[in-house]
Protein backbone atom coordinates (compact mmCIF):
# COMPACT_ATOMS: atom_id res chain seq x y z
CA UNK A 1 -1.41 -70.31 24.67
CA UNK A 2 2.11 -70.34 23.26
CA UNK A 3 5.03 -71.70 25.22
CA UNK A 4 7.26 -69.05 26.89
CA UNK A 5 10.63 -68.64 25.20
CA UNK A 6 12.37 -66.90 28.11
CA UNK A 7 11.88 -68.14 31.64
CA UNK A 8 13.45 -68.25 35.09
CA UNK A 9 13.55 -72.03 35.56
CA UNK A 10 11.74 -75.30 34.86
CA UNK A 11 10.46 -77.62 37.60
CA UNK A 12 9.36 -81.15 36.68
CA UNK A 13 7.19 -83.64 38.45
CA UNK A 14 8.76 -87.10 38.21
CA UNK A 15 6.40 -90.06 38.62
CA UNK A 16 4.40 -90.65 35.46
CA UNK A 17 5.86 -87.58 33.76
CA UNK A 18 9.62 -88.14 33.41
CA UNK A 19 9.84 -91.76 34.50
CA UNK A 20 7.43 -94.67 34.25
CA UNK A 21 7.54 -95.15 37.99
CA UNK A 22 3.74 -95.23 37.92
CA UNK A 23 4.01 -98.75 36.50
CA UNK A 24 6.15 -99.72 39.50
CA UNK A 25 3.77 -97.99 41.92
CA UNK A 26 0.70 -99.49 40.22
CA UNK A 27 2.08 -103.03 40.44
CA UNK A 28 2.84 -102.53 44.12
CA UNK A 29 -0.55 -100.90 44.76
CA UNK A 30 -2.46 -103.61 42.89
CA UNK A 31 -0.69 -106.32 44.89
CA UNK A 32 -1.44 -104.52 48.15
CA UNK A 33 -5.11 -104.11 47.23
CA UNK A 34 -5.31 -107.78 46.22
CA UNK A 35 -3.71 -108.94 49.47
CA UNK A 36 -6.41 -106.99 51.29
CA UNK A 37 -9.21 -108.53 49.24
CA UNK A 38 -9.90 -105.68 46.80
CA UNK A 39 -9.63 -105.21 43.05
CA UNK A 40 -7.58 -102.38 41.57
CA UNK A 41 -8.75 -100.25 38.65
CA UNK A 42 -9.04 -96.60 37.58
CA UNK A 43 -11.31 -95.70 40.52
CA UNK A 44 -8.84 -97.07 43.04
CA UNK A 45 -5.89 -95.48 41.24
CA UNK A 46 -7.59 -92.09 41.47
CA UNK A 47 -7.46 -92.42 45.26
CA UNK A 48 -3.67 -92.57 45.10
CA UNK A 49 -2.15 -90.95 42.03
CA UNK A 50 -0.30 -87.69 42.53
CA UNK A 51 -0.73 -87.73 46.30
CA UNK A 52 1.91 -88.00 48.99
CA UNK A 53 2.34 -91.51 50.37
CA UNK A 54 0.67 -90.65 53.72
CA UNK A 55 -2.30 -89.03 51.97
CA UNK A 56 -2.64 -91.90 49.48
CA UNK A 57 -2.50 -94.51 52.22
CA UNK A 58 -5.03 -92.65 54.36
CA UNK A 59 -7.37 -92.87 51.36
CA UNK A 60 -6.49 -96.53 50.98
CA UNK A 61 -7.14 -97.23 54.66
CA UNK A 62 -10.58 -95.62 54.48
CA UNK A 63 -11.34 -97.58 51.30
CA UNK A 64 -10.42 -100.81 53.11
CA UNK A 65 -12.66 -99.82 56.00
CA UNK A 66 -9.64 -99.57 58.33
CA UNK A 67 -9.19 -95.80 58.76
CA UNK A 68 -6.52 -96.15 61.46
CA UNK A 69 -4.19 -98.30 59.34
CA UNK A 70 -2.75 -95.58 57.06
CA UNK A 71 0.77 -95.68 58.53
CA UNK A 72 0.91 -99.49 58.42
CA UNK A 73 -0.24 -99.54 54.80
CA UNK A 74 2.29 -96.84 53.90
CA UNK A 75 5.17 -98.92 55.27
CA UNK A 76 3.94 -101.96 53.36
CA UNK A 77 3.48 -100.00 50.13
CA UNK A 78 6.90 -98.34 50.27
CA UNK A 79 8.64 -101.69 50.75
CA UNK A 80 6.82 -103.08 47.73
CA UNK A 81 7.60 -100.02 45.58
CA UNK A 82 11.28 -100.05 46.54
CA UNK A 83 11.46 -103.67 45.38
CA UNK A 84 9.81 -102.73 42.06
CA UNK A 85 12.11 -99.73 41.52
CA UNK A 86 15.18 -101.88 42.12
CA UNK A 87 14.32 -103.76 38.94
CA UNK A 88 14.85 -100.55 36.92
CA UNK A 89 12.71 -97.65 35.72
CA UNK A 90 12.01 -96.73 32.10
CA UNK A 91 11.84 -93.10 30.92
CA UNK A 92 8.51 -91.84 29.68
CA UNK A 93 8.40 -91.26 25.89
CA UNK A 94 10.37 -88.15 24.97
CA UNK A 95 11.66 -87.49 28.50
CA UNK A 96 15.36 -88.11 27.89
CA UNK A 97 15.33 -86.25 24.56
CA UNK A 98 13.58 -83.30 26.24
CA UNK A 99 16.17 -83.09 29.01
CA UNK A 100 19.00 -83.40 26.49
CA UNK A 101 17.43 -80.67 24.35
CA UNK A 102 17.43 -78.28 27.31
CA UNK A 103 21.19 -78.69 27.29
CA UNK A 104 21.77 -77.07 30.69
CA UNK A 105 20.71 -73.66 29.38
CA UNK A 106 17.91 -73.26 31.93
CA UNK A 107 18.02 -74.25 35.63
CA UNK A 108 15.85 -77.30 36.23
CA UNK A 109 14.62 -79.18 39.28
CA UNK A 110 12.26 -81.95 40.36
CA UNK A 111 9.36 -81.46 42.78
CA UNK A 112 7.63 -84.71 43.69
CA UNK A 113 5.14 -86.13 46.16
CA UNK A 114 7.35 -89.20 46.46
CA UNK A 115 9.60 -89.51 49.52
CA UNK A 116 13.34 -88.85 49.12
CA UNK A 117 14.34 -92.53 49.14
CA UNK A 118 11.95 -93.33 46.29
CA UNK A 119 13.08 -90.37 44.17
CA UNK A 120 16.75 -91.19 44.71
CA UNK A 121 16.14 -94.78 43.63
CA UNK A 122 14.14 -93.76 40.57
CA UNK A 123 16.54 -91.06 39.34
CA UNK A 124 19.57 -93.23 40.04
CA UNK A 125 18.33 -96.38 38.30
CA UNK A 126 17.29 -94.37 35.23
CA UNK A 127 20.41 -92.18 35.06
CA UNK A 128 18.26 -89.06 35.25
CA UNK A 129 19.97 -87.81 38.41
CA UNK A 130 22.68 -86.13 36.32
CA UNK A 131 20.22 -83.67 34.78
CA UNK A 132 18.93 -81.88 37.86
CA UNK A 133 20.52 -79.17 39.98
CA UNK A 134 18.16 -79.83 42.85
CA UNK A 135 15.07 -81.77 43.86
CA UNK A 136 12.43 -81.48 46.58
CA UNK A 137 10.36 -84.35 47.95
CA UNK A 138 7.16 -84.64 49.98
CA UNK A 139 8.96 -85.63 53.18
CA UNK A 140 11.02 -82.44 53.04
CA UNK A 141 8.14 -79.94 53.17
CA UNK A 142 5.27 -79.27 55.53
CA UNK A 143 2.61 -79.35 52.82
CA UNK A 144 2.91 -81.70 49.81
CA UNK A 145 0.88 -81.38 46.61
CA UNK A 146 -1.84 -80.17 46.00
CA UNK A 147 -0.34 -77.37 48.12
CA UNK A 148 2.21 -75.36 46.05
CA UNK A 149 5.01 -75.58 48.65
CA UNK A 150 7.03 -78.18 46.72
CA UNK A 151 7.08 -75.94 43.66
CA UNK A 152 7.75 -72.79 45.62
CA UNK A 153 10.71 -74.41 47.42
CA UNK A 154 12.11 -75.83 44.17
CA UNK A 155 11.98 -72.48 42.36
CA UNK A 156 13.41 -70.68 45.41
CA UNK A 157 16.30 -73.16 45.61
CA UNK A 158 17.10 -72.38 41.98
CA UNK A 159 16.92 -68.66 42.76
CA UNK A 160 14.04 -68.35 40.33
CA UNK A 161 10.70 -66.54 40.36
CA UNK A 162 7.93 -69.15 39.91
CA UNK A 163 5.72 -66.66 38.08
CA UNK A 164 8.42 -66.48 35.41
CA UNK A 165 8.97 -70.23 35.36
CA UNK A 166 7.47 -73.39 33.90
CA UNK A 167 6.10 -76.45 35.72
CA UNK A 168 5.37 -79.81 34.10
CA UNK A 169 2.77 -82.15 35.57
CA UNK A 170 0.72 -85.27 34.81
CA UNK A 171 -1.86 -85.60 37.63
CA UNK A 172 -4.76 -83.57 38.98
CA UNK A 173 -3.02 -83.17 42.35
CA UNK A 174 0.15 -81.93 40.69
CA UNK A 175 -1.76 -79.61 38.37
CA UNK A 176 -3.40 -77.96 41.39
CA UNK A 177 -0.01 -77.46 43.05
CA UNK A 178 1.67 -76.10 39.94
CA UNK A 179 -1.18 -73.69 39.19
CA UNK A 180 -1.12 -72.38 42.74
CA UNK A 181 2.61 -71.67 42.45
CA UNK A 182 1.95 -69.20 39.64
CA UNK A 183 4.16 -71.00 37.11
CA UNK A 184 3.24 -71.54 33.46
CA UNK A 185 1.90 -75.10 33.39
CA UNK A 186 2.60 -77.78 30.80
CA UNK A 187 0.35 -80.78 31.41
CA UNK A 188 0.90 -84.30 30.07
CA UNK A 189 -1.83 -86.53 31.60
CA UNK A 190 -0.43 -89.93 32.56
CA UNK A 191 -3.83 -91.64 32.73
CA UNK A 192 -5.35 -92.33 29.30
CA UNK A 193 -8.52 -90.33 28.72
CA UNK A 194 -7.95 -88.12 31.76
CA UNK A 195 -8.77 -84.45 31.12
CA UNK A 196 -6.57 -82.04 33.05
CA UNK A 197 -6.10 -78.29 32.88
CA UNK A 198 -2.96 -76.40 32.00
CA UNK A 199 -1.60 -73.53 29.94
CA UNK A 200 -0.32 -76.04 27.38
CA UNK A 201 -1.76 -79.57 27.35
CA UNK A 202 -0.30 -82.39 25.27
CA UNK A 203 -0.31 -86.18 25.22
CA UNK A 204 3.45 -86.76 25.34
CA UNK A 205 6.78 -85.14 26.13
CA UNK A 206 7.73 -86.30 22.63
CA UNK A 207 5.35 -83.68 21.17
CA UNK A 208 7.46 -81.93 18.47
CA UNK A 209 6.33 -78.54 19.74
CA UNK A 210 7.69 -79.37 23.20
CA UNK A 211 11.02 -80.60 21.81
CA UNK A 212 11.43 -77.53 19.59
CA UNK A 213 10.60 -75.29 22.53
CA UNK A 214 13.17 -77.01 24.76
CA UNK A 215 15.83 -76.61 22.08
CA UNK A 216 15.32 -72.83 21.89
CA UNK A 217 14.27 -71.72 25.36
CA UNK A 218 16.48 -69.21 27.18
CA UNK A 219 16.96 -68.39 30.85
CA UNK A 220 15.96 -64.90 31.94
CA UNK A 221 18.70 -64.96 34.58
CA UNK A 222 21.56 -65.70 32.25
CA UNK A 223 22.06 -69.25 33.54
CA UNK A 224 25.41 -70.49 32.19
CA UNK A 225 25.66 -73.62 30.04
């Protein structure tokens, strides 16, 4: 399916799509698993990736055999991630060029299952905060991904119809949320070898077709430059 040339808005996921925060999260998660006597590999990462922190830590608590410890593990994990993010966050390949190519011609936002404090730290340390008109985080909605609420709120805040918009995702949880919102979905799986659905699936935001698209896309609502 070809990429839409005219659209209402674009809403991006952040972790693992725009910024390599997944490396920060994975280091923190691996350390937390190790401190609790468990290894950390693809199976364990699948319990966490793309989910809100409470949901991820509920999975973690069950995995550890301590189903009532989700909140305690969440507090521990967030402290570890904040420390990792403070060291700096690298953009994913092609992310900065893609945002520059959009050139402010289309309204854009971020919708993430991270809490507000984590998103603020990630966008600020990377300098990506200047690109986005708005952002919505998991602790600001009733239903995080895989529910579509984050996307629906982000598009609504931009004054855009999600069915005329584009969402970009990298995880199965995010893909489910974006699909349910009705937006055209561009998928860039962050886990090597992971097969995910989408209207346009690619391996990198540096895909020449994506960059060309971003350089020519137009807003249906006459969004000013």
